Structure formats: C-alpha cells, structure tokens
Amino acid sequence: MSKIAIKSAAIGSGTFTLESPATNTDRTLMLPDEAGTILTTAGVPASAMPAGSVLQLQHTQLSTPNSQALTTSALTEITGFFVNITPKSVNSKILLQVSWMGEITNDAQWGSMFSLKRDTTYLGHPVSGNRTVGIMPPSITYPVSGDNNSTPNGCMFQYIDTPSTLSQVSYKVCITTCSPSVTLWTNAVFGYAANNTPGFELGMSTITAMEIAG
C-alpha cells in the first residue's frame, strides 16, 4: 500500500492549512502518479509552463506621424518605437515582431537597415567595415524611384533574443543609413508635413514582445 506524506519546509514560519469544503457529499481526490506542481486559481506559475509556452505579451502601437533627422552611418533610435518587458524566467526567449510604416527621404531606403537594441546592446548583424548592416531593409510599396512626397516604405521582421534576466528590458527599433541628409518619417509619407490632405498616406507601426518559456 502506498502512503501519503506531508513534509514541512525547512525554512519559513507560516502555517499551511488544508481545509475541507462545507459539503455533505463524500468525494475522493485522486493524486496523479507523477511529480509536478498543483495548479490553483492563483494562476499557473511560469516554472510550471512547458518549454515553448507563451508566458506574456507586451505591445506598443504607434499611430501619430513624426519625423526625425538621421546621421550617416549611425544607429538611430526611432522616436517612441520601443516595448518594455520584464521576463518571468531567466531561461526565457523573447520573440520580437516589428512592423514599420513611413518614408525615408532622398531615396535613402536603398542604403538603410532596420535593427534592434536591448537597452544599450545592439542586436542584429555584427558591424562589418563601412557596410550598412542590421536585420532588415525597408521595402517600397510602389516601385516609384525619386518620389519623396507620396511613396510609402514599409518593413516587417522578427528577432529572437535571450536576455537571461529577471529585470525589465527595453527593446528599441533603430535604423541606420549610409546616405547623407536623410529624414525619416514614421506613420506617414514626407508630403504629409506640407500637404495634410487626402492622398498622403498615414499608417501605424507596432512592436510586440512575447516571452517564450525555455
């Protein structure tokens, strides 16, 4: 005959009470024949989730148009384009999904790359000489070269990071360009600034961080 043993913790001063419900019906609780953690109404602890489970999701959505000047060959953080997440486990991976809409002036989209930073740490392709490196270049919605007043650009990419921390981290979307005198518009095209009328596209940009159990 197997036995049931209740073992007290070696540390701690609290009293753990097993209390029966107010019922007139006899019931049997069958314990599973395996080791594990009992789930309660307090929620499933991160440590009990199997590898590959989504532990949490954080999301930032930008809808306001804004513009900023870019410095040649420098990694520039896009204004307001970041998401914060506090991992529940040091073994977790963070799946990042980025979607950007806007315009890069002076045909500089041909020499630009989007990247990410975790706090102050650069993520993506390692720097190689004078090359413009990153994760993903922008694409052109319409194949019209030299039109800086109505041709939107876009970019979508994913990245998996392992921050190995329980502290909050901030993931920031960045861009670098090899062209001089470049202006980056986010959520709008260049012509929106002087022509706030129909025909000048407005859009939205998003960044999502999902913590995946390791």
N, C-alpha and C. Protein backbone atom coordinates (compact mmCIF):
# COMPACT_ATOMS: atom_id res chain seq x y z
N MET A 1 0.86 -1.20 0.00
CA MET A 1 0.00 0.00 0.00
C MET A 1 0.89 1.24 0.00
N SER A 2 0.64 2.15 -0.96
CA SER A 2 1.40 3.41 -0.99
C SER A 2 0.94 4.31 0.14
N LYS A 3 1.75 5.29 0.46
CA LYS A 3 1.48 6.17 1.59
C LYS A 3 1.44 7.63 1.14
N ILE A 4 0.83 8.47 1.94
CA ILE A 4 0.80 9.91 1.73
C ILE A 4 1.60 10.56 2.85
N ALA A 5 2.58 11.36 2.48
CA ALA A 5 3.41 12.05 3.48
C ALA A 5 3.30 13.54 3.27
N ILE A 6 3.14 14.27 4.35
CA ILE A 6 3.14 15.73 4.31
C ILE A 6 4.44 16.21 4.94
N LYS A 7 5.24 16.90 4.15
CA LYS A 7 6.57 17.31 4.59
C LYS A 7 6.61 18.83 4.74
N SER A 8 7.03 19.29 5.90
CA SER A 8 7.14 20.72 6.14
C SER A 8 8.44 21.26 5.56
N ALA A 9 8.44 22.55 5.19
CA ALA A 9 9.63 23.17 4.64
C ALA A 9 10.65 23.43 5.74
N ALA A 10 11.92 23.41 5.36
CA ALA A 10 12.99 23.62 6.33
C ALA A 10 13.07 25.06 6.79
N ILE A 11 12.55 25.98 5.98
CA ILE A 11 12.56 27.40 6.35
C ILE A 11 11.14 27.95 6.26
N GLY A 12 10.92 29.14 6.80
CA GLY A 12 9.60 29.75 6.79
C GLY A 12 8.90 29.57 8.11
N SER A 13 8.04 30.52 8.45
CA SER A 13 7.35 30.48 9.75
C SER A 13 5.84 30.43 9.60
N GLY A 14 5.33 30.40 8.36
CA GLY A 14 3.88 30.38 8.16
C GLY A 14 3.30 29.00 8.39
N THR A 15 1.99 28.98 8.63
CA THR A 15 1.25 27.73 8.82
C THR A 15 0.43 27.43 7.58
N PHE A 16 0.61 26.25 7.02
CA PHE A 16 -0.12 25.83 5.81
C PHE A 16 -1.29 24.96 6.26
N THR A 17 -2.51 25.37 5.92
CA THR A 17 -3.71 24.69 6.40
C THR A 17 -4.44 24.02 5.24
N LEU A 18 -4.76 22.73 5.40
CA LEU A 18 -5.62 22.02 4.46
C LEU A 18 -7.03 22.03 5.02
N GLU A 19 -7.94 22.64 4.30
CA GLU A 19 -9.30 22.83 4.81
C GLU A 19 -10.31 22.16 3.89
N SER A 20 -11.23 21.43 4.46
CA SER A 20 -12.27 20.76 3.67
C SER A 20 -13.40 21.73 3.38
N PRO A 21 -14.10 21.57 2.24
CA PRO A 21 -15.22 22.45 1.91
C PRO A 21 -16.46 22.08 2.73
N ALA A 22 -17.40 23.00 2.80
CA ALA A 22 -18.66 22.75 3.51
C ALA A 22 -19.59 21.95 2.59
N THR A 23 -19.53 20.63 2.69
CA THR A 23 -20.33 19.77 1.82
C THR A 23 -20.83 18.55 2.59
N ASN A 24 -21.95 17.97 2.13
CA ASN A 24 -22.49 16.75 2.72
C ASN A 24 -22.22 15.53 1.84
N THR A 25 -21.39 15.73 0.79
CA THR A 25 -21.11 14.65 -0.16
C THR A 25 -19.68 14.15 0.04
N ASP A 26 -19.53 12.83 0.08
CA ASP A 26 -18.19 12.25 0.15
C ASP A 26 -17.53 12.32 -1.22
N ARG A 27 -16.29 12.76 -1.25
CA ARG A 27 -15.57 12.88 -2.52
C ARG A 27 -14.16 12.32 -2.36
N THR A 28 -13.58 11.89 -3.47
CA THR A 28 -12.22 11.38 -3.48
C THR A 28 -11.39 12.18 -4.45
N LEU A 29 -10.27 12.71 -4.00
CA LEU A 29 -9.32 13.40 -4.86
C LEU A 29 -8.19 12.44 -5.18
N MET A 30 -8.07 12.08 -6.45
CA MET A 30 -7.04 11.13 -6.87
C MET A 30 -5.78 11.89 -7.29
N LEU A 31 -4.68 11.63 -6.61
CA LEU A 31 -3.42 12.28 -6.95
C LEU A 31 -2.80 11.58 -8.16
N PRO A 32 -2.22 12.34 -9.08
CA PRO A 32 -1.58 11.72 -10.25
C PRO A 32 -0.31 10.99 -9.86
N ASP A 33 0.02 9.95 -10.59
CA ASP A 33 1.22 9.17 -10.31
C ASP A 33 2.42 9.78 -11.04
N GLU A 34 2.75 11.01 -10.68
CA GLU A 34 3.88 11.71 -11.27
C GLU A 34 4.21 12.93 -10.42
N ALA A 35 5.45 13.40 -10.56
CA ALA A 35 5.86 14.61 -9.85
C ALA A 35 5.38 15.83 -10.61
N GLY A 36 5.14 16.93 -9.91
CA GLY A 36 4.69 18.14 -10.58
C GLY A 36 4.22 19.17 -9.59
N THR A 37 3.58 20.21 -10.13
CA THR A 37 3.08 21.31 -9.32
C THR A 37 1.57 21.36 -9.43
N ILE A 38 0.88 21.49 -8.31
CA ILE A 38 -0.58 21.58 -8.32
C ILE A 38 -0.98 22.98 -8.78
N LEU A 39 -1.87 23.06 -9.76
CA LEU A 39 -2.35 24.34 -10.26
C LEU A 39 -3.49 24.84 -9.39
N THR A 40 -3.55 26.12 -9.17
CA THR A 40 -4.58 26.73 -8.34
C THR A 40 -5.24 27.89 -9.08
N THR A 41 -6.23 28.48 -8.45
CA THR A 41 -6.91 29.64 -9.03
C THR A 41 -6.03 30.88 -9.06
N ALA A 42 -4.88 30.82 -8.38
CA ALA A 42 -3.95 31.95 -8.40
C ALA A 42 -3.24 32.07 -9.73
N GLY A 43 -3.37 31.04 -10.59
CA GLY A 43 -2.72 31.08 -11.89
C GLY A 43 -1.60 30.07 -11.99
N VAL A 44 -1.16 29.85 -13.23
CA VAL A 44 -0.10 28.88 -13.47
C VAL A 44 1.25 29.58 -13.33
N PRO A 45 2.12 29.12 -12.43
CA PRO A 45 3.44 29.75 -12.31
C PRO A 45 4.27 29.51 -13.55
N ALA A 46 5.13 30.45 -13.88
CA ALA A 46 5.96 30.33 -15.08
C ALA A 46 6.79 29.06 -15.06
N SER A 47 7.22 28.66 -13.86
CA SER A 47 8.07 27.47 -13.75
C SER A 47 7.33 26.19 -14.11
N ALA A 48 5.99 26.23 -14.10
CA ALA A 48 5.20 25.03 -14.41
C ALA A 48 4.82 24.95 -15.88
N MET A 49 5.11 26.00 -16.64
CA MET A 49 4.75 26.01 -18.06
C MET A 49 5.78 25.24 -18.87
N PRO A 50 5.32 24.40 -19.82
CA PRO A 50 6.28 23.65 -20.64
C PRO A 50 7.04 24.56 -21.60
N ALA A 51 8.20 24.11 -22.04
CA ALA A 51 9.01 24.88 -23.00
C ALA A 51 8.19 25.17 -24.25
N GLY A 52 8.29 26.40 -24.73
CA GLY A 52 7.54 26.81 -25.91
C GLY A 52 6.25 27.53 -25.60
N SER A 53 5.85 27.56 -24.32
CA SER A 53 4.63 28.26 -23.93
C SER A 53 4.84 29.77 -23.93
N VAL A 54 3.79 30.52 -24.27
CA VAL A 54 3.85 31.97 -24.20
C VAL A 54 3.52 32.40 -22.77
N LEU A 55 4.47 33.02 -22.09
CA LEU A 55 4.28 33.43 -20.71
C LEU A 55 3.64 34.81 -20.59
N GLN A 56 3.92 35.68 -21.54
CA GLN A 56 3.30 37.02 -21.53
C GLN A 56 3.53 37.68 -22.88
N LEU A 57 2.77 38.74 -23.11
CA LEU A 57 2.89 39.52 -24.35
C LEU A 57 2.81 40.99 -24.01
N GLN A 58 3.76 41.76 -24.53
CA GLN A 58 3.76 43.21 -24.39
C GLN A 58 3.76 43.83 -25.77
N HIS A 59 3.08 44.97 -25.92
CA HIS A 59 2.85 45.50 -27.27
C HIS A 59 2.84 47.03 -27.24
N THR A 60 3.48 47.63 -28.24
CA THR A 60 3.43 49.08 -28.42
C THR A 60 2.93 49.37 -29.83
N GLN A 61 1.94 50.26 -29.93
CA GLN A 61 1.37 50.63 -31.22
C GLN A 61 1.47 52.14 -31.40
N LEU A 62 2.14 52.55 -32.47
CA LEU A 62 2.29 53.97 -32.78
C LEU A 62 1.34 54.35 -33.91
N SER A 63 0.65 55.46 -33.75
CA SER A 63 -0.24 55.93 -34.80
C SER A 63 -0.01 57.39 -35.16
N THR A 64 0.71 58.13 -34.32
CA THR A 64 0.95 59.55 -34.57
C THR A 64 2.13 59.74 -35.53
N PRO A 65 1.96 60.55 -36.59
CA PRO A 65 3.08 60.80 -37.52
C PRO A 65 4.19 61.59 -36.83
N ASN A 66 5.44 61.25 -37.13
CA ASN A 66 6.55 62.05 -36.63
C ASN A 66 7.73 61.91 -37.58
N SER A 67 8.65 62.85 -37.51
CA SER A 67 9.83 62.83 -38.37
C SER A 67 11.07 63.11 -37.54
N GLN A 68 12.22 62.62 -38.04
CA GLN A 68 13.48 62.87 -37.36
C GLN A 68 14.62 62.77 -38.36
N ALA A 69 15.68 63.53 -38.10
CA ALA A 69 16.85 63.51 -38.97
C ALA A 69 17.74 62.33 -38.59
N LEU A 70 18.34 61.69 -39.59
CA LEU A 70 19.25 60.57 -39.38
C LEU A 70 20.68 61.01 -39.62
N THR A 71 21.59 60.45 -38.85
CA THR A 71 23.01 60.72 -39.02
C THR A 71 23.64 59.59 -39.83
N THR A 72 24.42 59.94 -40.83
CA THR A 72 25.03 58.95 -41.70
C THR A 72 25.85 57.93 -40.92
N SER A 73 25.60 56.64 -41.20
CA SER A 73 26.33 55.51 -40.62
C SER A 73 26.21 55.42 -39.10
N ALA A 74 25.18 56.03 -38.53
CA ALA A 74 24.96 55.95 -37.09
C ALA A 74 23.64 55.23 -36.82
N LEU A 75 23.60 54.45 -35.75
CA LEU A 75 22.39 53.74 -35.37
C LEU A 75 21.48 54.70 -34.61
N THR A 76 20.31 55.01 -35.18
CA THR A 76 19.38 55.98 -34.61
C THR A 76 18.14 55.29 -34.09
N GLU A 77 17.78 55.56 -32.83
CA GLU A 77 16.55 55.02 -32.26
C GLU A 77 15.35 55.78 -32.84
N ILE A 78 14.34 55.06 -33.30
CA ILE A 78 13.13 55.70 -33.83
C ILE A 78 12.30 56.18 -32.65
N THR A 79 11.90 57.44 -32.68
CA THR A 79 11.22 58.08 -31.57
C THR A 79 9.97 57.31 -31.14
N GLY A 80 9.92 56.93 -29.87
CA GLY A 80 8.75 56.28 -29.29
C GLY A 80 8.52 54.85 -29.71
N PHE A 81 9.44 54.29 -30.50
CA PHE A 81 9.23 52.96 -31.06
C PHE A 81 9.98 51.92 -30.22
N PHE A 82 9.41 51.55 -29.08
CA PHE A 82 10.04 50.59 -28.18
C PHE A 82 8.96 49.85 -27.39
N VAL A 83 9.37 48.75 -26.77
CA VAL A 83 8.47 48.00 -25.91
C VAL A 83 9.27 47.51 -24.70
N ASN A 84 8.66 47.57 -23.52
CA ASN A 84 9.30 47.10 -22.29
C ASN A 84 8.70 45.76 -21.87
N ILE A 85 9.54 44.88 -21.35
CA ILE A 85 9.06 43.59 -20.86
C ILE A 85 9.94 43.14 -19.71
N THR A 86 9.33 42.56 -18.68
CA THR A 86 10.05 42.01 -17.53
C THR A 86 9.92 40.50 -17.56
N PRO A 87 10.97 39.77 -17.95
CA PRO A 87 10.87 38.31 -18.06
C PRO A 87 10.51 37.65 -16.73
N LYS A 88 9.77 36.55 -16.82
CA LYS A 88 9.38 35.78 -15.65
C LYS A 88 10.39 34.68 -15.34
N SER A 89 11.28 34.38 -16.29
CA SER A 89 12.28 33.35 -16.10
C SER A 89 13.57 33.75 -16.81
N VAL A 90 14.71 33.43 -16.21
CA VAL A 90 16.00 33.75 -16.83
C VAL A 90 16.27 32.86 -18.04
N ASN A 91 15.51 31.77 -18.18
CA ASN A 91 15.71 30.85 -19.30
C ASN A 91 14.81 31.17 -20.50
N SER A 92 14.01 32.20 -20.39
CA SER A 92 13.05 32.53 -21.45
C SER A 92 13.73 33.12 -22.67
N LYS A 93 13.06 32.96 -23.80
CA LYS A 93 13.42 33.66 -25.03
C LYS A 93 12.35 34.71 -25.30
N ILE A 94 12.75 35.81 -25.93
CA ILE A 94 11.81 36.88 -26.27
C ILE A 94 11.68 36.93 -27.79
N LEU A 95 10.47 36.68 -28.27
CA LEU A 95 10.18 36.78 -29.71
C LEU A 95 9.69 38.19 -29.99
N LEU A 96 10.44 38.91 -30.83
CA LEU A 96 10.10 40.30 -31.17
C LEU A 96 9.57 40.35 -32.60
N GLN A 97 8.44 41.03 -32.78
CA GLN A 97 7.84 41.22 -34.09
C GLN A 97 7.66 42.71 -34.33
N VAL A 98 8.21 43.19 -35.44
CA VAL A 98 8.21 44.63 -35.74
C VAL A 98 7.53 44.88 -37.08
N SER A 99 6.68 45.89 -37.10
CA SER A 99 6.05 46.34 -38.34
C SER A 99 6.14 47.87 -38.38
N TRP A 100 6.81 48.39 -39.40
CA TRP A 100 7.01 49.85 -39.51
C TRP A 100 6.43 50.35 -40.82
N MET A 101 5.78 51.51 -40.79
CA MET A 101 5.30 52.18 -42.00
C MET A 101 5.78 53.61 -41.96
N GLY A 102 6.24 54.13 -43.09
CA GLY A 102 6.68 55.52 -43.15
C GLY A 102 7.35 55.81 -44.47
N GLU A 103 8.33 56.72 -44.43
CA GLU A 103 9.08 57.04 -45.64
C GLU A 103 10.46 57.54 -45.26
N ILE A 104 11.44 57.16 -46.08
CA ILE A 104 12.82 57.60 -45.91
C ILE A 104 13.16 58.46 -47.12
N THR A 105 13.50 59.71 -46.90
CA THR A 105 13.66 60.67 -48.00
C THR A 105 14.95 60.46 -48.77
N ASN A 106 15.03 61.12 -49.90
CA ASN A 106 16.23 61.16 -50.75
C ASN A 106 16.63 59.79 -51.28
N ASP A 107 15.66 58.92 -51.50
CA ASP A 107 15.94 57.57 -52.00
C ASP A 107 16.88 56.80 -51.08
N ALA A 108 16.97 57.22 -49.80
CA ALA A 108 17.91 56.58 -48.87
C ALA A 108 17.44 55.20 -48.44
N GLN A 109 16.20 54.82 -48.83
CA GLN A 109 15.74 53.47 -48.48
C GLN A 109 16.64 52.40 -49.10
N TRP A 110 17.36 52.76 -50.17
CA TRP A 110 18.22 51.78 -50.83
C TRP A 110 19.48 51.50 -50.00
N GLY A 111 19.84 52.37 -49.07
CA GLY A 111 21.04 52.18 -48.27
C GLY A 111 20.76 52.21 -46.78
N SER A 112 19.56 51.72 -46.37
CA SER A 112 19.16 51.77 -44.97
C SER A 112 18.83 50.38 -44.44
N MET A 113 19.02 50.18 -43.13
CA MET A 113 18.73 48.91 -42.49
C MET A 113 18.10 49.15 -41.12
N PHE A 114 17.06 48.36 -40.82
CA PHE A 114 16.44 48.41 -39.50
C PHE A 114 17.13 47.41 -38.57
N SER A 115 17.22 47.78 -37.29
CA SER A 115 17.86 46.94 -36.28
C SER A 115 17.10 47.08 -34.96
N LEU A 116 17.62 46.41 -33.93
CA LEU A 116 17.04 46.48 -32.59
C LEU A 116 18.15 46.72 -31.56
N LYS A 117 17.76 47.33 -30.44
CA LYS A 117 18.65 47.43 -29.30
C LYS A 117 17.90 46.92 -28.07
N ARG A 118 18.59 46.09 -27.26
CA ARG A 118 18.07 45.71 -25.95
C ARG A 118 18.75 46.62 -24.94
N ASP A 119 18.00 47.58 -24.41
CA ASP A 119 18.59 48.64 -23.58
C ASP A 119 19.68 49.34 -24.39
N THR A 120 20.96 49.09 -24.09
CA THR A 120 22.04 49.73 -24.85
C THR A 120 22.81 48.73 -25.71
N THR A 121 22.34 47.48 -25.75
CA THR A 121 23.05 46.44 -26.51
C THR A 121 22.46 46.30 -27.91
N TYR A 122 23.32 46.42 -28.91
CA TYR A 122 22.90 46.30 -30.31
C TYR A 122 22.59 44.85 -30.64
N LEU A 123 21.47 44.60 -31.30
CA LEU A 123 21.06 43.27 -31.73
C LEU A 123 21.02 43.23 -33.25
N GLY A 124 21.43 42.13 -33.82
CA GLY A 124 21.39 42.01 -35.27
C GLY A 124 22.74 41.65 -35.84
N HIS A 125 22.89 41.88 -37.13
CA HIS A 125 24.13 41.53 -37.83
C HIS A 125 25.30 42.32 -37.27
N PRO A 126 26.43 41.68 -36.98
CA PRO A 126 27.58 42.41 -36.45
C PRO A 126 28.11 43.43 -37.45
N VAL A 127 28.62 44.54 -36.93
CA VAL A 127 29.16 45.59 -37.78
C VAL A 127 30.34 45.04 -38.59
N SER A 128 30.37 45.36 -39.88
CA SER A 128 31.42 44.85 -40.76
C SER A 128 31.94 45.98 -41.63
N GLY A 129 33.08 46.54 -41.23
CA GLY A 129 33.68 47.62 -42.01
C GLY A 129 32.75 48.81 -42.14
N ASN A 130 32.65 49.34 -43.36
CA ASN A 130 31.79 50.50 -43.61
C ASN A 130 30.42 50.11 -44.14
N ARG A 131 30.09 48.83 -44.07
CA ARG A 131 28.81 48.38 -44.60
C ARG A 131 27.66 48.82 -43.71
N THR A 132 26.50 49.04 -44.32
CA THR A 132 25.29 49.33 -43.57
C THR A 132 24.65 47.99 -43.21
N VAL A 133 24.68 47.63 -41.93
CA VAL A 133 24.20 46.31 -41.50
C VAL A 133 23.06 46.45 -40.51
N GLY A 134 22.31 45.39 -40.34
CA GLY A 134 21.19 45.40 -39.41
C GLY A 134 20.44 44.09 -39.49
N ILE A 135 19.11 44.16 -39.48
CA ILE A 135 18.27 42.97 -39.53
C ILE A 135 17.49 42.91 -40.84
N MET A 136 16.87 44.03 -41.24
CA MET A 136 16.03 44.02 -42.44
C MET A 136 15.97 45.41 -43.08
N PRO A 137 16.10 45.50 -44.41
CA PRO A 137 15.97 46.79 -45.08
C PRO A 137 14.50 47.12 -45.31
N PRO A 138 14.17 48.39 -45.53
CA PRO A 138 12.79 48.75 -45.87
C PRO A 138 12.45 48.30 -47.27
N SER A 139 11.17 48.15 -47.53
CA SER A 139 10.71 47.82 -48.87
C SER A 139 9.88 48.98 -49.40
N ILE A 140 9.70 49.04 -50.71
CA ILE A 140 8.95 50.11 -51.36
C ILE A 140 7.56 49.59 -51.70
N THR A 141 6.53 50.29 -51.23
CA THR A 141 5.16 49.86 -51.53
C THR A 141 4.85 50.00 -53.00
N TYR A 142 5.28 51.12 -53.58
CA TYR A 142 5.09 51.35 -55.01
C TYR A 142 6.46 51.54 -55.66
N PRO A 143 6.72 50.90 -56.80
CA PRO A 143 8.04 50.99 -57.44
C PRO A 143 8.25 52.31 -58.17
N VAL A 144 8.26 53.41 -57.41
CA VAL A 144 8.43 54.73 -58.00
C VAL A 144 9.70 55.35 -57.42
N SER A 145 10.75 55.44 -58.20
CA SER A 145 12.02 55.97 -57.71
C SER A 145 12.02 57.49 -57.74
N GLY A 146 12.61 58.09 -56.71
CA GLY A 146 12.78 59.53 -56.69
C GLY A 146 11.57 60.31 -56.23
N ASP A 147 10.47 59.63 -55.83
CA ASP A 147 9.28 60.33 -55.38
C ASP A 147 9.29 60.39 -53.87
N ASN A 148 9.63 61.56 -53.32
CA ASN A 148 9.73 61.72 -51.87
C ASN A 148 8.49 62.35 -51.26
N ASN A 149 7.39 62.43 -52.00
CA ASN A 149 6.21 63.10 -51.50
C ASN A 149 5.00 62.19 -51.33
N SER A 150 5.05 60.97 -51.84
CA SER A 150 3.85 60.14 -51.75
C SER A 150 4.12 58.64 -51.80
N THR A 151 5.38 58.23 -51.75
CA THR A 151 5.71 56.82 -51.89
C THR A 151 6.04 56.22 -50.53
N PRO A 152 5.12 55.48 -49.90
CA PRO A 152 5.39 54.92 -48.57
C PRO A 152 6.38 53.77 -48.62
N ASN A 153 7.15 53.63 -47.56
CA ASN A 153 8.04 52.50 -47.36
C ASN A 153 7.47 51.64 -46.24
N GLY A 154 7.94 50.42 -46.14
CA GLY A 154 7.48 49.55 -45.06
C GLY A 154 8.56 48.56 -44.68
N CYS A 155 8.43 47.98 -43.50
CA CYS A 155 9.38 46.97 -43.06
C CYS A 155 8.73 46.08 -42.00
N MET A 156 8.89 44.76 -42.14
CA MET A 156 8.41 43.80 -41.15
C MET A 156 9.52 42.78 -40.90
N PHE A 157 9.81 42.51 -39.64
CA PHE A 157 10.81 41.49 -39.33
C PHE A 157 10.60 40.94 -37.93
N GLN A 158 11.24 39.79 -37.68
CA GLN A 158 11.20 39.14 -36.37
C GLN A 158 12.63 38.92 -35.87
N TYR A 159 12.75 38.80 -34.57
CA TYR A 159 14.06 38.53 -33.97
C TYR A 159 13.82 37.81 -32.65
N ILE A 160 14.65 36.81 -32.35
CA ILE A 160 14.56 36.07 -31.09
C ILE A 160 15.77 36.41 -30.24
N ASP A 161 15.50 36.88 -29.02
CA ASP A 161 16.57 37.29 -28.11
C ASP A 161 16.49 36.48 -26.82
N THR A 162 17.62 36.29 -26.17
CA THR A 162 17.69 35.63 -24.87
C THR A 162 18.34 36.59 -23.88
N PRO A 163 17.54 37.40 -23.19
CA PRO A 163 18.13 38.43 -22.31
C PRO A 163 18.74 37.86 -21.04
N SER A 164 18.32 36.66 -20.59
CA SER A 164 18.89 36.00 -19.39
C SER A 164 18.84 36.90 -18.17
N THR A 165 17.66 37.45 -17.89
CA THR A 165 17.49 38.34 -16.74
C THR A 165 16.05 38.30 -16.27
N LEU A 166 15.85 38.71 -15.01
CA LEU A 166 14.50 38.88 -14.46
C LEU A 166 14.15 40.36 -14.33
N SER A 167 15.06 41.22 -14.77
CA SER A 167 14.83 42.66 -14.71
C SER A 167 14.17 43.14 -16.00
N GLN A 168 13.51 44.28 -15.93
CA GLN A 168 12.86 44.84 -17.11
C GLN A 168 13.89 45.19 -18.17
N VAL A 169 13.57 44.85 -19.41
CA VAL A 169 14.41 45.24 -20.55
C VAL A 169 13.56 46.05 -21.52
N SER A 170 14.22 46.92 -22.25
CA SER A 170 13.54 47.77 -23.24
C SER A 170 14.10 47.45 -24.62
N TYR A 171 13.23 47.05 -25.54
CA TYR A 171 13.63 46.77 -26.92
C TYR A 171 13.24 47.96 -27.79
N LYS A 172 14.24 48.54 -28.46
CA LYS A 172 14.05 49.75 -29.24
C LYS A 172 14.31 49.48 -30.71
N VAL A 173 13.44 49.97 -31.57
CA VAL A 173 13.63 49.82 -33.01
C VAL A 173 14.54 50.94 -33.49
N CYS A 174 15.57 50.58 -34.25
CA CYS A 174 16.57 51.54 -34.72
C CYS A 174 16.72 51.44 -36.24
N ILE A 175 17.38 52.43 -36.81
CA ILE A 175 17.66 52.42 -38.25
C ILE A 175 19.02 53.07 -38.48
N THR A 176 19.72 52.58 -39.49
CA THR A 176 20.99 53.19 -39.89
C THR A 176 20.97 53.40 -41.39
N THR A 177 21.65 54.42 -41.88
CA THR A 177 21.67 54.72 -43.31
C THR A 177 23.08 55.17 -43.71
N CYS A 178 23.43 54.89 -44.96
CA CYS A 178 24.72 55.34 -45.48
C CYS A 178 24.58 56.61 -46.31
N SER A 179 23.34 57.13 -46.40
CA SER A 179 23.10 58.34 -47.21
C SER A 179 23.13 59.59 -46.34
N PRO A 180 23.59 60.71 -46.86
CA PRO A 180 23.62 61.96 -46.10
C PRO A 180 22.29 62.70 -46.18
N SER A 181 22.03 63.58 -45.21
CA SER A 181 20.87 64.48 -45.21
C SER A 181 19.56 63.70 -45.39
N VAL A 182 19.33 62.74 -44.49
CA VAL A 182 18.16 61.88 -44.60
C VAL A 182 17.16 62.22 -43.49
N THR A 183 15.89 62.29 -43.86
CA THR A 183 14.80 62.46 -42.89
C THR A 183 13.95 61.19 -42.88
N LEU A 184 13.67 60.70 -41.69
CA LEU A 184 12.83 59.52 -41.52
C LEU A 184 11.45 59.94 -41.05
N TRP A 185 10.43 59.57 -41.82
CA TRP A 185 9.05 59.76 -41.40
C TRP A 185 8.52 58.42 -40.91
N THR A 186 7.84 58.43 -39.76
CA THR A 186 7.19 57.23 -39.24
C THR A 186 5.69 57.46 -39.21
N ASN A 187 4.96 56.50 -39.76
CA ASN A 187 3.49 56.53 -39.84
C ASN A 187 2.94 57.53 -40.84
N ALA A 188 3.79 58.05 -41.72
CA ALA A 188 3.33 58.99 -42.74
C ALA A 188 4.40 59.10 -43.82
N VAL A 189 4.02 59.70 -44.95
CA VAL A 189 4.98 59.98 -46.00
C VAL A 189 5.44 61.42 -45.88
N PHE A 190 6.53 61.74 -46.57
CA PHE A 190 7.16 63.05 -46.45
C PHE A 190 6.19 64.19 -46.77
N GLY A 191 5.36 64.01 -47.78
CA GLY A 191 4.47 65.09 -48.21
C GLY A 191 3.40 65.43 -47.21
N TYR A 192 3.19 64.58 -46.19
CA TYR A 192 2.16 64.85 -45.18
C TYR A 192 2.43 66.15 -44.44
N ALA A 193 3.71 66.48 -44.26
CA ALA A 193 4.08 67.67 -43.49
C ALA A 193 3.52 68.95 -44.10
N ALA A 194 3.56 69.05 -45.43
CA ALA A 194 3.10 70.27 -46.09
C ALA A 194 1.75 70.09 -46.77
N ASN A 195 1.28 68.85 -46.86
CA ASN A 195 0.04 68.57 -47.58
C ASN A 195 -0.84 67.64 -46.75
N ASN A 196 -1.41 68.16 -45.69
CA ASN A 196 -2.25 67.35 -44.81
C ASN A 196 -3.62 67.18 -45.45
N THR A 197 -3.63 66.48 -46.57
CA THR A 197 -4.85 66.30 -47.36
C THR A 197 -4.95 64.85 -47.79
N PRO A 198 -6.11 64.40 -48.24
CA PRO A 198 -6.23 63.03 -48.74
C PRO A 198 -5.23 62.78 -49.87
N GLY A 199 -4.70 61.58 -49.91
CA GLY A 199 -3.72 61.24 -50.93
C GLY A 199 -2.32 61.10 -50.36
N PHE A 200 -2.13 61.61 -49.15
CA PHE A 200 -0.84 61.47 -48.48
C PHE A 200 -1.01 60.50 -47.33
N GLU A 201 -0.42 59.31 -47.50
CA GLU A 201 -0.76 58.16 -46.66
C GLU A 201 -0.37 58.34 -45.19
N LEU A 202 -1.25 57.86 -44.32
CA LEU A 202 -0.97 57.74 -42.90
C LEU A 202 -1.09 56.27 -42.53
N GLY A 203 -0.24 55.80 -41.61
CA GLY A 203 -0.27 54.40 -41.24
C GLY A 203 0.01 54.21 -39.76
N MET A 204 0.33 52.98 -39.39
CA MET A 204 0.63 52.64 -38.00
C MET A 204 1.86 51.74 -37.96
N SER A 205 2.58 51.80 -36.85
CA SER A 205 3.76 50.97 -36.64
C SER A 205 3.63 50.26 -35.29
N THR A 206 4.06 49.00 -35.21
CA THR A 206 3.89 48.22 -33.99
C THR A 206 5.14 47.42 -33.67
N ILE A 207 5.35 47.16 -32.39
CA ILE A 207 6.38 46.24 -31.93
C ILE A 207 5.77 45.39 -30.82
N THR A 208 5.94 44.06 -30.94
CA THR A 208 5.38 43.11 -29.99
C THR A 208 6.50 42.25 -29.41
N ALA A 209 6.48 42.06 -28.09
CA ALA A 209 7.45 41.21 -27.41
C ALA A 209 6.69 40.07 -26.73
N MET A 210 6.99 38.82 -27.10
CA MET A 210 6.38 37.65 -26.47
C MET A 210 7.44 36.86 -25.74
N GLU A 211 7.19 36.61 -24.46
CA GLU A 211 8.11 35.78 -23.70
C GLU A 211 7.76 34.31 -23.88
N ILE A 212 8.72 33.52 -24.34
CA ILE A 212 8.52 32.10 -24.60
C ILE A 212 9.32 31.30 -23.56
N ALA A 213 8.64 30.36 -22.91
CA ALA A 213 9.31 29.55 -21.88
C ALA A 213 10.42 28.72 -22.50
N GLY A 214 11.60 28.69 -21.84
CA GLY A 214 12.73 27.95 -22.34
C GLY A 214 12.79 26.52 -21.80
